[in-house]
Amino acid sequence: MEKKESSTEDFFDILIKNEVVMETAPLDEQKEYIQPDDDYDFHAYRILLLIRICGIINEPFFSHFTIYGRGKFSFFDFLIRYPFYLKRVIDIERKPKLLDNLKLKSFETERALSPMIKYIRGPWDHRYDAILNYMVSKSLIKVEFNNFNKSKKAMCLTLTELGIQISDQIIEEEPVWVDRMEIINAIFPKNATNERIDAYIRKHFPSLILGIEGE
């Protein structure tokens, strides 16, 4: 005896005959789940640590930890979000001893912690404005276009007292990130300018720049 093949219609007929009702919670009771990459706290957590470890104190221009330069900030953040690129930087600079502190996991060679886009001068996150404004609203950082020396100005991201307190706690929780950020410090001086970082990207990673293909 041949079995009758089941179909979509049969499936719904069974549901109807058994009076199966798909229950749905009212809208005001439904939970909305946020992807980590869409959570500003997730980004603020990382950025606080980045400014704390890779930032510089340069009085009288700024007395708290500061990263200055949009391109410099976004490239450093990119190296943390794409740690396999940090490995490439280590290889380019021929500093194999730094690999011991990278602690690159197998899955980190295949995908980014948090994706970014190509932009005019290198990697960028189109949400930076919203994320940084969120951090300012929480009194974690100050964002100013200010002098970082006597003759030059740049976008400056500076930790507040609260930002310093929280970043100190994050240091204890994220030793791998701390080690990776210290690798960045070992390769790029904390007083590196935007121009130097732009030149580095163009020389070694031109494909990260919008409109340029290949490396």
N, C-alpha and C. Protein backbone atom coordinates (compact mmCIF):
# COMPACT_ATOMS: atom_id res chain seq x y z
N MET A 1 0.85 -1.20 0.00
CA MET A 1 0.00 0.00 0.00
C MET A 1 0.89 1.25 0.00
N GLU A 2 0.60 2.16 -0.93
CA GLU A 2 1.42 3.35 -1.05
C GLU A 2 1.02 4.39 -0.01
N LYS A 3 2.06 5.01 0.56
CA LYS A 3 1.79 6.08 1.52
C LYS A 3 1.50 7.38 0.79
N LYS A 4 0.54 8.09 1.25
CA LYS A 4 0.23 9.37 0.65
C LYS A 4 1.24 10.40 1.13
N GLU A 5 1.83 11.12 0.16
CA GLU A 5 2.82 12.13 0.53
C GLU A 5 2.13 13.29 1.25
N SER A 6 2.74 13.72 2.34
CA SER A 6 2.17 14.84 3.09
C SER A 6 2.43 16.13 2.36
N SER A 7 1.59 17.08 2.53
CA SER A 7 1.73 18.38 1.87
C SER A 7 1.49 19.48 2.89
N THR A 8 1.72 20.70 2.44
CA THR A 8 1.48 21.86 3.31
C THR A 8 0.01 21.92 3.71
N GLU A 9 -0.87 21.58 2.73
CA GLU A 9 -2.31 21.62 3.01
C GLU A 9 -2.67 20.61 4.10
N ASP A 10 -2.09 19.39 4.03
CA ASP A 10 -2.34 18.38 5.05
C ASP A 10 -1.94 18.88 6.43
N PHE A 11 -0.78 19.55 6.48
CA PHE A 11 -0.26 20.07 7.75
C PHE A 11 -1.26 21.04 8.38
N PHE A 12 -1.77 21.97 7.59
CA PHE A 12 -2.70 22.96 8.13
C PHE A 12 -4.06 22.34 8.43
N ASP A 13 -4.46 21.31 7.66
CA ASP A 13 -5.71 20.62 7.96
C ASP A 13 -5.66 19.97 9.34
N ILE A 14 -4.50 19.35 9.65
CA ILE A 14 -4.33 18.72 10.96
C ILE A 14 -4.42 19.75 12.08
N LEU A 15 -3.79 20.91 11.86
CA LEU A 15 -3.86 21.97 12.87
C LEU A 15 -5.29 22.42 13.10
N ILE A 16 -6.03 22.56 12.01
CA ILE A 16 -7.41 23.04 12.12
C ILE A 16 -8.29 22.02 12.83
N LYS A 17 -8.16 20.73 12.43
CA LYS A 17 -8.98 19.68 13.03
C LYS A 17 -8.72 19.52 14.52
N ASN A 18 -7.49 19.76 14.93
CA ASN A 18 -7.14 19.62 16.35
C ASN A 18 -7.27 20.94 17.12
N GLU A 19 -7.80 21.95 16.43
CA GLU A 19 -8.03 23.26 17.04
C GLU A 19 -6.77 23.80 17.72
N VAL A 20 -5.65 23.65 17.00
CA VAL A 20 -4.39 24.17 17.51
C VAL A 20 -4.36 25.68 17.33
N VAL A 21 -4.06 26.39 18.41
CA VAL A 21 -4.00 27.85 18.38
C VAL A 21 -2.58 28.30 18.70
N MET A 22 -2.01 29.10 17.81
CA MET A 22 -0.67 29.64 18.06
C MET A 22 -0.79 30.85 18.99
N GLU A 23 -0.34 30.67 20.22
CA GLU A 23 -0.48 31.75 21.19
C GLU A 23 0.61 32.81 20.99
N THR A 24 0.20 34.03 21.03
CA THR A 24 1.14 35.15 20.89
C THR A 24 0.91 36.12 22.04
N ALA A 25 1.98 36.49 22.70
CA ALA A 25 1.84 37.43 23.82
C ALA A 25 1.46 38.81 23.29
N PRO A 26 0.69 39.58 24.07
CA PRO A 26 0.36 40.95 23.65
C PRO A 26 1.64 41.74 23.40
N LEU A 27 1.54 42.74 22.53
CA LEU A 27 2.73 43.50 22.15
C LEU A 27 3.47 44.07 23.35
N ASP A 28 2.71 44.56 24.35
CA ASP A 28 3.36 45.18 25.49
C ASP A 28 4.06 44.16 26.40
N GLU A 29 3.81 42.84 26.15
CA GLU A 29 4.46 41.81 26.96
C GLU A 29 5.56 41.08 26.20
N GLN A 30 5.68 41.37 24.90
CA GLN A 30 6.70 40.70 24.10
C GLN A 30 8.09 41.27 24.40
N LYS A 31 9.08 40.40 24.39
CA LYS A 31 10.45 40.81 24.64
C LYS A 31 11.16 41.10 23.34
N GLU A 32 11.88 42.19 23.31
CA GLU A 32 12.68 42.53 22.13
C GLU A 32 14.14 42.29 22.45
N TYR A 33 14.77 41.40 21.72
CA TYR A 33 16.15 41.05 21.98
C TYR A 33 17.08 41.88 21.10
N ILE A 34 18.09 42.46 21.73
CA ILE A 34 19.03 43.32 21.02
C ILE A 34 20.31 42.54 20.72
N GLN A 35 20.74 42.58 19.49
CA GLN A 35 22.03 41.97 19.14
C GLN A 35 23.14 42.75 19.82
N PRO A 36 24.18 42.06 20.33
CA PRO A 36 25.27 42.78 21.01
C PRO A 36 25.85 43.93 20.20
N ASP A 37 25.96 43.73 18.89
CA ASP A 37 26.56 44.77 18.06
C ASP A 37 25.68 46.01 17.95
N ASP A 38 24.39 45.87 18.27
CA ASP A 38 23.47 47.01 18.23
C ASP A 38 23.31 47.66 19.61
N ASP A 39 24.04 47.14 20.58
CA ASP A 39 23.96 47.64 21.96
C ASP A 39 25.07 48.67 22.19
N TYR A 40 24.69 49.92 22.44
CA TYR A 40 25.69 50.97 22.63
C TYR A 40 26.57 50.73 23.84
N ASP A 41 26.03 50.05 24.86
CA ASP A 41 26.84 49.73 26.03
C ASP A 41 27.99 48.80 25.67
N PHE A 42 27.73 47.87 24.75
CA PHE A 42 28.75 46.94 24.27
C PHE A 42 29.92 47.72 23.65
N HIS A 43 29.59 48.73 22.84
CA HIS A 43 30.64 49.54 22.20
C HIS A 43 31.31 50.49 23.20
N ALA A 44 30.51 51.07 24.08
CA ALA A 44 31.07 51.99 25.08
C ALA A 44 32.09 51.28 25.96
N TYR A 45 31.79 50.06 26.32
CA TYR A 45 32.68 49.22 27.15
C TYR A 45 34.06 49.10 26.51
N ARG A 46 34.07 48.77 25.21
CA ARG A 46 35.33 48.59 24.49
C ARG A 46 36.07 49.92 24.28
N ILE A 47 35.31 50.95 23.92
CA ILE A 47 35.91 52.25 23.63
C ILE A 47 36.52 52.88 24.89
N LEU A 48 35.85 52.72 26.02
CA LEU A 48 36.41 53.22 27.28
C LEU A 48 37.79 52.61 27.53
N LEU A 49 37.88 51.31 27.35
CA LEU A 49 39.16 50.62 27.58
C LEU A 49 40.20 51.07 26.56
N LEU A 50 39.80 51.25 25.32
CA LEU A 50 40.73 51.68 24.27
C LEU A 50 41.32 53.04 24.59
N ILE A 51 40.48 53.97 25.02
CA ILE A 51 40.99 55.31 25.37
C ILE A 51 41.90 55.23 26.59
N ARG A 52 41.52 54.37 27.54
CA ARG A 52 42.32 54.24 28.76
C ARG A 52 43.71 53.66 28.48
N ILE A 53 43.79 52.65 27.61
CA ILE A 53 45.07 51.98 27.36
C ILE A 53 45.89 52.69 26.28
N CYS A 54 45.24 53.12 25.23
CA CYS A 54 45.96 53.73 24.10
C CYS A 54 45.94 55.24 24.13
N GLY A 55 45.24 55.81 25.10
CA GLY A 55 45.19 57.27 25.21
C GLY A 55 46.43 57.83 25.87
N ILE A 56 46.58 59.14 25.76
CA ILE A 56 47.76 59.84 26.29
C ILE A 56 47.33 61.03 27.14
N ILE A 57 48.10 61.32 28.16
CA ILE A 57 47.91 62.54 28.94
C ILE A 57 48.97 63.53 28.48
N ASN A 58 48.53 64.69 28.05
CA ASN A 58 49.46 65.67 27.47
C ASN A 58 49.10 67.07 27.96
N GLU A 59 49.51 67.37 29.18
CA GLU A 59 49.21 68.69 29.73
C GLU A 59 50.10 69.74 29.05
N PRO A 60 49.59 70.93 28.85
CA PRO A 60 48.33 71.50 29.36
C PRO A 60 47.13 71.26 28.43
N PHE A 61 47.30 70.47 27.39
CA PHE A 61 46.22 70.31 26.42
C PHE A 61 45.11 69.39 26.93
N PHE A 62 45.48 68.31 27.58
CA PHE A 62 44.47 67.47 28.24
C PHE A 62 45.14 66.72 29.38
N SER A 63 44.45 66.72 30.51
CA SER A 63 45.00 66.14 31.74
C SER A 63 44.46 64.74 32.02
N HIS A 64 43.53 64.26 31.19
CA HIS A 64 43.00 62.90 31.31
C HIS A 64 43.34 62.12 30.04
N PHE A 65 43.21 60.80 30.12
CA PHE A 65 43.54 59.96 28.98
C PHE A 65 42.73 60.36 27.75
N THR A 66 43.45 60.58 26.63
CA THR A 66 42.84 61.09 25.41
C THR A 66 43.41 60.39 24.18
N ILE A 67 42.55 60.02 23.27
CA ILE A 67 42.97 59.64 21.92
C ILE A 67 42.54 60.78 21.00
N TYR A 68 43.48 61.29 20.22
CA TYR A 68 43.12 62.37 19.30
C TYR A 68 43.30 61.92 17.86
N GLY A 69 42.36 62.38 17.00
CA GLY A 69 42.37 62.01 15.60
C GLY A 69 41.31 60.98 15.27
N ARG A 70 40.37 61.34 14.39
CA ARG A 70 39.29 60.41 14.02
C ARG A 70 39.83 59.13 13.39
N GLY A 71 40.75 59.30 12.42
CA GLY A 71 41.29 58.14 11.73
C GLY A 71 42.10 57.24 12.64
N LYS A 72 42.87 57.86 13.53
CA LYS A 72 43.67 57.09 14.49
C LYS A 72 42.77 56.29 15.42
N PHE A 73 41.74 56.94 15.96
CA PHE A 73 40.80 56.25 16.85
C PHE A 73 40.11 55.09 16.14
N SER A 74 39.60 55.33 14.93
CA SER A 74 38.84 54.28 14.24
C SER A 74 39.74 53.13 13.81
N PHE A 75 41.00 53.41 13.45
CA PHE A 75 41.91 52.34 13.06
C PHE A 75 42.29 51.48 14.27
N PHE A 76 42.56 52.11 15.40
CA PHE A 76 42.86 51.35 16.62
C PHE A 76 41.67 50.48 17.02
N ASP A 77 40.47 51.05 16.94
CA ASP A 77 39.26 50.29 17.27
C ASP A 77 39.09 49.13 16.27
N PHE A 78 39.39 49.39 15.02
CA PHE A 78 39.33 48.36 13.98
C PHE A 78 40.25 47.19 14.31
N LEU A 79 41.46 47.48 14.80
CA LEU A 79 42.41 46.42 15.11
C LEU A 79 41.94 45.54 16.27
N ILE A 80 41.13 46.10 17.15
CA ILE A 80 40.56 45.30 18.25
C ILE A 80 39.36 44.51 17.74
N ARG A 81 38.57 45.10 16.89
CA ARG A 81 37.39 44.42 16.36
C ARG A 81 37.75 43.38 15.29
N TYR A 82 38.87 43.58 14.63
CA TYR A 82 39.38 42.63 13.63
C TYR A 82 40.78 42.20 14.05
N PRO A 83 40.89 41.37 15.09
CA PRO A 83 42.22 41.04 15.62
C PRO A 83 43.14 40.34 14.63
N PHE A 84 42.58 39.70 13.59
CA PHE A 84 43.46 39.07 12.59
C PHE A 84 44.21 40.13 11.79
N TYR A 85 43.68 41.36 11.74
CA TYR A 85 44.42 42.46 11.12
C TYR A 85 45.55 42.92 12.04
N LEU A 86 45.33 42.84 13.34
CA LEU A 86 46.40 43.17 14.28
C LEU A 86 47.56 42.20 14.10
N LYS A 87 47.24 40.94 13.82
CA LYS A 87 48.30 39.97 13.53
C LYS A 87 49.06 40.37 12.28
N ARG A 88 48.34 40.85 11.28
CA ARG A 88 49.01 41.28 10.05
C ARG A 88 49.93 42.46 10.31
N VAL A 89 49.51 43.36 11.18
CA VAL A 89 50.36 44.50 11.55
C VAL A 89 51.64 44.01 12.22
N ILE A 90 51.50 43.03 13.12
CA ILE A 90 52.67 42.46 13.80
C ILE A 90 53.63 41.85 12.78
N ASP A 91 53.07 41.13 11.80
CA ASP A 91 53.90 40.52 10.76
C ASP A 91 54.60 41.58 9.91
N ILE A 92 53.87 42.63 9.56
CA ILE A 92 54.45 43.71 8.76
C ILE A 92 55.61 44.36 9.50
N GLU A 93 55.44 44.57 10.80
CA GLU A 93 56.47 45.24 11.60
C GLU A 93 57.58 44.29 12.05
N ARG A 94 57.41 43.01 11.72
CA ARG A 94 58.41 41.99 12.06
C ARG A 94 58.74 41.99 13.56
N LYS A 95 57.66 41.88 14.34
CA LYS A 95 57.80 41.82 15.79
C LYS A 95 57.11 40.56 16.30
N PRO A 96 57.66 39.39 15.96
CA PRO A 96 56.99 38.12 16.29
C PRO A 96 56.78 37.89 17.78
N LYS A 97 57.60 38.51 18.61
CA LYS A 97 57.44 38.32 20.05
C LYS A 97 56.08 38.83 20.55
N LEU A 98 55.52 39.78 19.82
CA LEU A 98 54.22 40.33 20.21
C LEU A 98 53.09 39.34 20.01
N LEU A 99 53.32 38.33 19.17
CA LEU A 99 52.29 37.33 18.92
C LEU A 99 51.91 36.57 20.19
N ASP A 100 52.85 36.46 21.11
CA ASP A 100 52.58 35.74 22.36
C ASP A 100 51.46 36.40 23.15
N ASN A 101 51.34 37.72 23.01
CA ASN A 101 50.31 38.45 23.75
C ASN A 101 49.01 38.61 22.96
N LEU A 102 49.03 38.22 21.68
CA LEU A 102 47.82 38.38 20.86
C LEU A 102 46.75 37.38 21.25
N LYS A 103 47.16 36.14 21.53
CA LYS A 103 46.21 35.07 21.94
C LYS A 103 45.02 34.97 20.99
N LEU A 104 45.32 34.87 19.71
CA LEU A 104 44.28 34.82 18.69
C LEU A 104 43.62 33.45 18.66
N LYS A 105 42.30 33.44 18.85
CA LYS A 105 41.54 32.19 18.82
C LYS A 105 41.18 31.85 17.38
N SER A 106 40.92 30.59 17.11
CA SER A 106 40.66 30.15 15.73
C SER A 106 39.48 30.88 15.11
N PHE A 107 38.40 31.06 15.87
CA PHE A 107 37.22 31.72 15.31
C PHE A 107 37.48 33.19 15.01
N GLU A 108 38.48 33.79 15.67
CA GLU A 108 38.79 35.19 15.44
C GLU A 108 39.55 35.42 14.14
N THR A 109 39.97 34.35 13.50
CA THR A 109 40.64 34.49 12.20
C THR A 109 39.64 34.46 11.06
N GLU A 110 38.38 34.22 11.38
CA GLU A 110 37.36 34.05 10.35
C GLU A 110 36.33 35.17 10.31
N ARG A 111 36.09 35.80 11.44
CA ARG A 111 35.07 36.86 11.45
C ARG A 111 35.44 37.95 12.44
N ALA A 112 34.84 39.11 12.24
CA ALA A 112 35.12 40.26 13.09
C ALA A 112 34.31 40.21 14.37
N LEU A 113 34.87 40.80 15.43
CA LEU A 113 34.11 40.96 16.67
C LEU A 113 32.88 41.81 16.42
N SER A 114 33.05 42.84 15.60
CA SER A 114 31.97 43.77 15.29
C SER A 114 32.32 44.42 13.95
N PRO A 115 31.48 44.24 12.92
CA PRO A 115 31.85 44.71 11.58
C PRO A 115 31.91 46.22 11.44
N MET A 116 32.78 46.66 10.53
CA MET A 116 32.92 48.07 10.20
C MET A 116 32.81 48.20 8.68
N ILE A 117 32.86 49.44 8.19
CA ILE A 117 32.74 49.67 6.75
C ILE A 117 33.99 50.38 6.23
N LYS A 118 34.20 50.31 4.92
CA LYS A 118 35.25 51.10 4.29
C LYS A 118 34.79 52.55 4.23
N TYR A 119 35.72 53.47 4.45
CA TYR A 119 35.36 54.88 4.36
C TYR A 119 36.49 55.63 3.66
N ILE A 120 36.38 56.93 3.60
CA ILE A 120 37.29 57.74 2.79
C ILE A 120 38.75 57.53 3.18
N ARG A 121 39.04 57.45 4.47
CA ARG A 121 40.42 57.31 4.92
C ARG A 121 40.70 56.00 5.64
N GLY A 122 39.78 55.07 5.56
CA GLY A 122 40.00 53.80 6.23
C GLY A 122 38.73 53.28 6.87
N PRO A 123 38.87 52.30 7.75
CA PRO A 123 37.69 51.68 8.38
C PRO A 123 36.91 52.68 9.24
N TRP A 124 35.60 52.49 9.26
CA TRP A 124 34.73 53.41 10.00
C TRP A 124 33.47 52.68 10.40
N ASP A 125 32.83 53.18 11.44
CA ASP A 125 31.53 52.68 11.88
C ASP A 125 30.53 53.82 11.78
N HIS A 126 29.52 53.67 10.94
CA HIS A 126 28.56 54.75 10.73
C HIS A 126 27.78 55.09 12.00
N ARG A 127 27.90 54.25 13.04
CA ARG A 127 27.20 54.52 14.31
C ARG A 127 28.05 55.29 15.31
N TYR A 128 29.29 55.60 14.94
CA TYR A 128 30.17 56.26 15.90
C TYR A 128 29.55 57.53 16.50
N ASP A 129 28.96 58.36 15.65
CA ASP A 129 28.38 59.61 16.18
C ASP A 129 27.37 59.32 17.28
N ALA A 130 26.48 58.35 17.03
CA ALA A 130 25.45 58.01 18.02
C ALA A 130 26.08 57.38 19.26
N ILE A 131 27.06 56.50 19.06
CA ILE A 131 27.70 55.82 20.20
C ILE A 131 28.45 56.83 21.06
N LEU A 132 29.21 57.72 20.43
CA LEU A 132 29.98 58.70 21.19
C LEU A 132 29.06 59.69 21.90
N ASN A 133 27.97 60.08 21.24
CA ASN A 133 26.99 60.96 21.89
C ASN A 133 26.38 60.27 23.10
N TYR A 134 26.13 58.97 22.98
CA TYR A 134 25.60 58.20 24.10
C TYR A 134 26.58 58.22 25.26
N MET A 135 27.87 58.04 24.96
CA MET A 135 28.89 58.03 26.01
C MET A 135 29.02 59.41 26.66
N VAL A 136 28.88 60.46 25.85
CA VAL A 136 28.90 61.82 26.41
C VAL A 136 27.71 62.02 27.33
N SER A 137 26.54 61.53 26.92
CA SER A 137 25.33 61.70 27.73
C SER A 137 25.42 60.97 29.07
N LYS A 138 26.27 59.92 29.12
CA LYS A 138 26.47 59.16 30.35
C LYS A 138 27.66 59.69 31.16
N SER A 139 28.22 60.82 30.71
CA SER A 139 29.35 61.47 31.40
C SER A 139 30.58 60.56 31.46
N LEU A 140 30.77 59.74 30.40
CA LEU A 140 31.92 58.84 30.35
C LEU A 140 33.11 59.45 29.62
N ILE A 141 32.82 60.26 28.61
CA ILE A 141 33.88 60.89 27.81
C ILE A 141 33.48 62.32 27.45
N LYS A 142 34.47 63.07 26.99
CA LYS A 142 34.24 64.36 26.36
C LYS A 142 34.74 64.24 24.93
N VAL A 143 34.01 64.81 23.99
CA VAL A 143 34.42 64.83 22.59
C VAL A 143 34.56 66.28 22.16
N GLU A 144 35.77 66.67 21.79
CA GLU A 144 36.03 68.06 21.44
C GLU A 144 36.98 68.12 20.24
N PHE A 145 36.85 69.17 19.46
CA PHE A 145 37.85 69.46 18.43
C PHE A 145 38.79 70.47 19.05
N ASN A 146 39.98 70.01 19.40
CA ASN A 146 40.84 70.82 20.26
C ASN A 146 42.31 70.64 19.89
N ASN A 147 43.15 71.52 20.44
CA ASN A 147 44.60 71.38 20.24
C ASN A 147 45.13 70.15 20.96
N PHE A 148 46.00 69.39 20.27
CA PHE A 148 46.73 68.32 20.95
C PHE A 148 48.21 68.68 21.05
N ASN A 149 48.58 69.77 20.39
CA ASN A 149 49.88 70.42 20.61
C ASN A 149 49.71 71.90 20.29
N LYS A 150 50.78 72.63 20.25
CA LYS A 150 50.68 74.08 20.09
C LYS A 150 50.13 74.51 18.73
N SER A 151 50.34 73.70 17.72
CA SER A 151 49.98 74.13 16.36
C SER A 151 48.90 73.29 15.67
N LYS A 152 48.52 72.14 16.24
CA LYS A 152 47.58 71.27 15.55
C LYS A 152 46.37 70.93 16.40
N LYS A 153 45.22 70.80 15.69
CA LYS A 153 43.98 70.41 16.34
C LYS A 153 43.46 69.10 15.74
N ALA A 154 42.64 68.42 16.50
CA ALA A 154 42.02 67.19 16.02
C ALA A 154 40.82 66.87 16.91
N MET A 155 40.02 65.91 16.48
CA MET A 155 38.96 65.40 17.35
C MET A 155 39.61 64.68 18.51
N CYS A 156 39.25 65.07 19.73
CA CYS A 156 39.84 64.49 20.94
C CYS A 156 38.77 63.75 21.73
N LEU A 157 39.03 62.50 22.04
CA LEU A 157 38.15 61.70 22.90
C LEU A 157 38.84 61.56 24.25
N THR A 158 38.25 62.16 25.27
CA THR A 158 38.89 62.24 26.58
C THR A 158 38.01 61.60 27.65
N LEU A 159 38.61 60.75 28.47
CA LEU A 159 37.87 60.13 29.57
C LEU A 159 37.56 61.15 30.65
N THR A 160 36.35 61.08 31.21
CA THR A 160 36.00 61.86 32.38
C THR A 160 36.47 61.09 33.62
N GLU A 161 36.27 61.68 34.78
CA GLU A 161 36.61 60.97 36.02
C GLU A 161 35.82 59.66 36.12
N LEU A 162 34.53 59.72 35.77
CA LEU A 162 33.71 58.51 35.80
C LEU A 162 34.22 57.50 34.78
N GLY A 163 34.59 57.98 33.59
CA GLY A 163 35.11 57.09 32.57
C GLY A 163 36.38 56.40 33.01
N ILE A 164 37.23 57.12 33.74
CA ILE A 164 38.48 56.53 34.26
C ILE A 164 38.16 55.44 35.28
N GLN A 165 37.22 55.73 36.18
CA GLN A 165 36.86 54.75 37.20
C GLN A 165 36.34 53.45 36.58
N ILE A 166 35.45 53.60 35.59
CA ILE A 166 34.86 52.41 34.96
C ILE A 166 35.91 51.68 34.13
N SER A 167 36.75 52.41 33.41
CA SER A 167 37.77 51.77 32.58
C SER A 167 38.77 51.00 33.44
N ASP A 168 39.05 51.50 34.63
CA ASP A 168 39.95 50.77 35.53
C ASP A 168 39.34 49.42 35.93
N GLN A 169 38.03 49.39 36.08
CA GLN A 169 37.35 48.12 36.39
C GLN A 169 37.39 47.19 35.19
N ILE A 170 37.23 47.75 33.99
CA ILE A 170 37.25 46.93 32.77
C ILE A 170 38.63 46.30 32.58
N ILE A 171 39.68 47.02 32.95
CA ILE A 171 41.04 46.48 32.83
C ILE A 171 41.15 45.14 33.55
N GLU A 172 40.52 45.05 34.72
CA GLU A 172 40.57 43.81 35.50
C GLU A 172 39.78 42.68 34.84
N GLU A 173 38.76 43.05 34.07
CA GLU A 173 37.87 42.05 33.47
C GLU A 173 38.31 41.59 32.08
N GLU A 174 39.12 42.37 31.39
CA GLU A 174 39.43 42.08 29.99
C GLU A 174 40.94 42.02 29.72
N PRO A 175 41.64 41.07 30.32
CA PRO A 175 43.10 41.00 30.13
C PRO A 175 43.53 40.78 28.68
N VAL A 176 42.72 40.04 27.90
CA VAL A 176 43.09 39.80 26.50
C VAL A 176 43.02 41.09 25.70
N TRP A 177 41.94 41.84 25.87
CA TRP A 177 41.84 43.14 25.19
C TRP A 177 42.97 44.07 25.62
N VAL A 178 43.27 44.07 26.91
CA VAL A 178 44.35 44.93 27.40
C VAL A 178 45.66 44.57 26.71
N ASP A 179 45.96 43.29 26.64
CA ASP A 179 47.20 42.85 25.98
C ASP A 179 47.23 43.28 24.52
N ARG A 180 46.11 43.17 23.84
CA ARG A 180 46.05 43.54 22.42
C ARG A 180 46.22 45.05 22.24
N MET A 181 45.65 45.81 23.15
CA MET A 181 45.81 47.26 23.07
C MET A 181 47.24 47.67 23.37
N GLU A 182 47.89 46.93 24.24
CA GLU A 182 49.30 47.20 24.52
C GLU A 182 50.17 46.85 23.31
N ILE A 183 49.73 45.88 22.51
CA ILE A 183 50.43 45.59 21.25
C ILE A 183 50.34 46.80 20.33
N ILE A 184 49.16 47.40 20.26
CA ILE A 184 49.00 48.62 19.46
C ILE A 184 49.97 49.70 19.93
N ASN A 185 50.09 49.85 21.27
CA ASN A 185 51.02 50.84 21.82
C ASN A 185 52.47 50.53 21.47
N ALA A 186 52.79 49.24 21.39
CA ALA A 186 54.16 48.83 21.10
C ALA A 186 54.53 49.11 19.65
N ILE A 187 53.53 49.24 18.79
CA ILE A 187 53.78 49.47 17.36
C ILE A 187 53.57 50.94 16.97
N PHE A 188 52.52 51.53 17.51
CA PHE A 188 52.22 52.93 17.20
C PHE A 188 52.36 53.77 18.47
N PRO A 189 53.27 54.73 18.49
CA PRO A 189 53.42 55.57 19.68
C PRO A 189 52.09 56.26 20.04
N LYS A 190 51.88 56.49 21.32
CA LYS A 190 50.63 57.12 21.74
C LYS A 190 50.46 58.53 21.16
N ASN A 191 51.59 59.16 20.80
CA ASN A 191 51.50 60.50 20.23
C ASN A 191 51.52 60.47 18.71
N ALA A 192 51.28 59.29 18.10
CA ALA A 192 51.21 59.19 16.65
C ALA A 192 50.10 60.09 16.12
N THR A 193 50.35 60.75 15.02
CA THR A 193 49.36 61.68 14.47
C THR A 193 48.42 60.96 13.51
N ASN A 194 47.33 61.65 13.21
CA ASN A 194 46.38 61.14 12.23
C ASN A 194 47.06 60.90 10.89
N GLU A 195 47.95 61.83 10.53
CA GLU A 195 48.64 61.75 9.25
C GLU A 195 49.47 60.47 9.16
N ARG A 196 50.14 60.11 10.24
CA ARG A 196 50.95 58.90 10.24
C ARG A 196 50.07 57.67 10.07
N ILE A 197 48.95 57.64 10.76
CA ILE A 197 48.05 56.48 10.67
C ILE A 197 47.45 56.40 9.26
N ASP A 198 47.05 57.54 8.70
CA ASP A 198 46.52 57.56 7.33
C ASP A 198 47.53 56.99 6.35
N ALA A 199 48.78 57.42 6.49
CA ALA A 199 49.84 56.95 5.60
C ALA A 199 50.06 55.45 5.76
N TYR A 200 49.98 54.97 6.98
CA TYR A 200 50.17 53.54 7.25
C TYR A 200 49.07 52.72 6.58
N ILE A 201 47.84 53.18 6.69
CA ILE A 201 46.72 52.47 6.08
C ILE A 201 46.88 52.44 4.56
N ARG A 202 47.22 53.59 3.99
CA ARG A 202 47.37 53.66 2.53
C ARG A 202 48.50 52.77 2.02
N LYS A 203 49.54 52.67 2.80
CA LYS A 203 50.69 51.86 2.37
C LYS A 203 50.43 50.37 2.52
N HIS A 204 49.87 49.96 3.64
CA HIS A 204 49.77 48.54 3.95
C HIS A 204 48.37 47.95 3.76
N PHE A 205 47.33 48.77 3.92
CA PHE A 205 45.96 48.25 3.82
C PHE A 205 45.09 49.15 2.94
N PRO A 206 45.48 49.40 1.70
CA PRO A 206 44.70 50.29 0.86
C PRO A 206 43.28 49.81 0.61
N SER A 207 43.05 48.49 0.67
CA SER A 207 41.71 47.97 0.42
C SER A 207 40.71 48.36 1.51
N LEU A 208 41.19 48.89 2.62
CA LEU A 208 40.30 49.36 3.68
C LEU A 208 39.73 50.75 3.38
N ILE A 209 40.24 51.37 2.33
CA ILE A 209 39.81 52.72 1.98
C ILE A 209 38.73 52.63 0.89
N LEU A 210 37.66 53.37 1.05
CA LEU A 210 36.56 53.35 0.10
C LEU A 210 37.06 53.72 -1.29
N GLY A 211 36.73 52.87 -2.27
CA GLY A 211 37.08 53.16 -3.66
C GLY A 211 38.40 52.59 -4.10
N ILE A 212 39.15 51.94 -3.18
CA ILE A 212 40.43 51.34 -3.53
C ILE A 212 40.32 49.82 -3.34
N GLU A 213 40.74 49.09 -4.34
CA GLU A 213 40.69 47.63 -4.26
C GLU A 213 42.11 47.06 -4.25
N GLY A 214 42.27 45.93 -3.58
CA GLY A 214 43.56 45.24 -3.57
C GLY A 214 44.52 45.80 -2.56
N GLU A 215 45.55 45.02 -2.25
CA GLU A 215 46.57 45.44 -1.30
C GLU A 215 47.95 45.10 -1.84
